[in-house]
Amino acid sequence: MEEKEENKINIDVLKHLEDLSNNMNKIMASRTQAVLRRYPITFALLILIGVIAIHEGLKGLMKNFGLLEINPWYLIVVGLIVLTITGTLYKKLDK
């Protein structure tokens, strides 16, 4: 009996935190949109720099582990498997 009450309290706390987060997102959305509309090129360049940095970092890690020295067909297969798994996961979480 105690476990059910404890789980209920935990779920309620998580629900409360989720609602609080959603409310904060709604409040900040108007301010964020105004800034993005005023400086679209600046934010586009910052996003591009971030994506390139992540790409180069992952490429460097793959070189360190020797993953780029194997047969390219293996990399294509692994990439397709990862994309398939993430796509399936996205579809399940979207419902």
Protein backbone atom coordinates (compact mmCIF):
# COMPACT_ATOMS: atom_id res chain seq x y z
CA MET A 1 0.00 0.00 0.00
CA GLU A 2 2.85 2.36 0.84
CA GLU A 3 4.51 1.76 -2.54
CA LYS A 4 1.41 2.93 -4.42
CA GLU A 5 1.18 6.11 -2.36
CA GLU A 6 4.90 6.76 -2.84
CA ASN A 7 4.61 6.24 -6.62
CA LYS A 8 1.60 8.54 -6.72
CA ILE A 9 3.54 11.27 -4.94
CA ASN A 10 6.49 10.86 -7.31
CA ILE A 11 4.21 11.01 -10.34
CA ASP A 12 2.48 14.10 -8.98
CA VAL A 13 5.82 15.84 -8.45
CA LEU A 14 6.92 14.97 -11.98
CA LYS A 15 3.60 16.20 -13.36
CA HIS A 16 3.96 19.42 -11.40
CA LEU A 17 7.50 19.95 -12.74
CA GLU A 18 6.33 19.26 -16.29
CA ASP A 19 3.49 21.79 -15.94
CA LEU A 20 5.89 24.35 -14.50
CA SER A 21 8.30 23.80 -17.38
CA ASN A 22 5.49 24.16 -19.94
CA ASN A 23 4.35 27.42 -18.35
CA MET A 24 7.89 28.81 -18.41
CA ASN A 25 8.24 27.83 -22.07
CA LYS A 26 5.01 29.67 -22.91
CA ILE A 27 6.16 32.79 -21.07
CA MET A 28 9.59 32.82 -22.68
CA ALA A 29 8.35 31.94 -26.19
CA SER A 30 7.19 35.47 -26.96
CA ARG A 31 10.53 36.98 -25.92
CA THR A 32 12.51 34.37 -27.82
CA GLN A 33 10.54 34.90 -31.02
CA ALA A 34 11.10 38.66 -30.85
CA VAL A 35 14.87 38.21 -30.55
CA LEU A 36 14.96 35.61 -33.34
CA ARG A 37 13.01 37.94 -35.64
CA ARG A 38 15.36 40.83 -34.92
CA TYR A 39 18.62 38.93 -35.45
CA PRO A 40 17.92 35.95 -37.74
CA ILE A 41 21.32 35.92 -39.46
CA THR A 42 23.21 36.07 -36.16
CA PHE A 43 21.32 33.10 -34.73
CA ALA A 44 21.58 31.18 -38.01
CA LEU A 45 25.35 31.62 -37.97
CA LEU A 46 25.59 30.61 -34.30
CA ILE A 47 23.53 27.48 -35.00
CA LEU A 48 25.70 26.68 -38.02
CA ILE A 49 28.88 27.07 -35.96
CA GLY A 50 27.42 24.79 -33.27
CA VAL A 51 26.48 22.09 -35.78
CA ILE A 52 29.90 22.24 -37.44
CA ALA A 53 31.65 22.06 -34.05
CA ILE A 54 29.65 18.97 -33.08
CA HIS A 55 30.32 17.38 -36.46
CA GLU A 56 34.07 17.99 -36.28
CA GLY A 57 34.19 16.82 -32.66
CA LEU A 58 32.45 13.55 -33.52
CA LYS A 59 34.73 13.12 -36.52
CA GLY A 60 37.77 13.63 -34.28
CA LEU A 61 36.48 11.04 -31.80
CA MET A 62 35.86 8.58 -34.60
CA LYS A 63 39.42 9.11 -35.85
CA ASN A 64 40.82 8.56 -32.35
CA PHE A 65 38.93 5.28 -32.01
CA GLY A 66 39.89 4.22 -35.53
CA LEU A 67 36.32 4.07 -36.76
CA LEU A 68 37.06 6.06 -39.91
CA GLU A 69 39.81 3.66 -40.95
CA ILE A 70 37.43 0.72 -41.43
CA ASN A 71 35.53 -0.12 -44.58
CA PRO A 72 33.17 2.76 -45.52
CA TRP A 73 30.35 0.29 -46.18
CA TYR A 74 30.37 -0.58 -42.47
CA LEU A 75 29.95 3.10 -41.61
CA ILE A 76 27.01 3.39 -44.02
CA VAL A 77 25.32 0.32 -42.52
CA VAL A 78 25.87 1.55 -38.96
CA GLY A 79 24.56 5.00 -39.91
CA LEU A 80 21.44 3.52 -41.48
CA ILE A 81 20.83 1.36 -38.42
CA VAL A 82 21.17 4.35 -36.10
CA LEU A 83 18.80 6.43 -38.25
CA THR A 84 16.28 3.58 -38.36
CA ILE A 85 16.36 3.14 -34.59
CA THR A 86 15.99 6.87 -33.93
CA GLY A 87 13.17 7.14 -36.47
CA THR A 88 11.31 4.24 -34.91
CA LEU A 89 11.85 5.69 -31.44
CA TYR A 90 10.59 9.08 -32.61
CA LYS A 91 7.43 7.56 -34.06
CA LYS A 92 6.72 5.66 -30.84
CA LEU A 93 7.31 8.74 -28.66
CA ASP A 94 5.23 10.96 -30.96
CA LYS A 95 2.08 8.91 -30.26
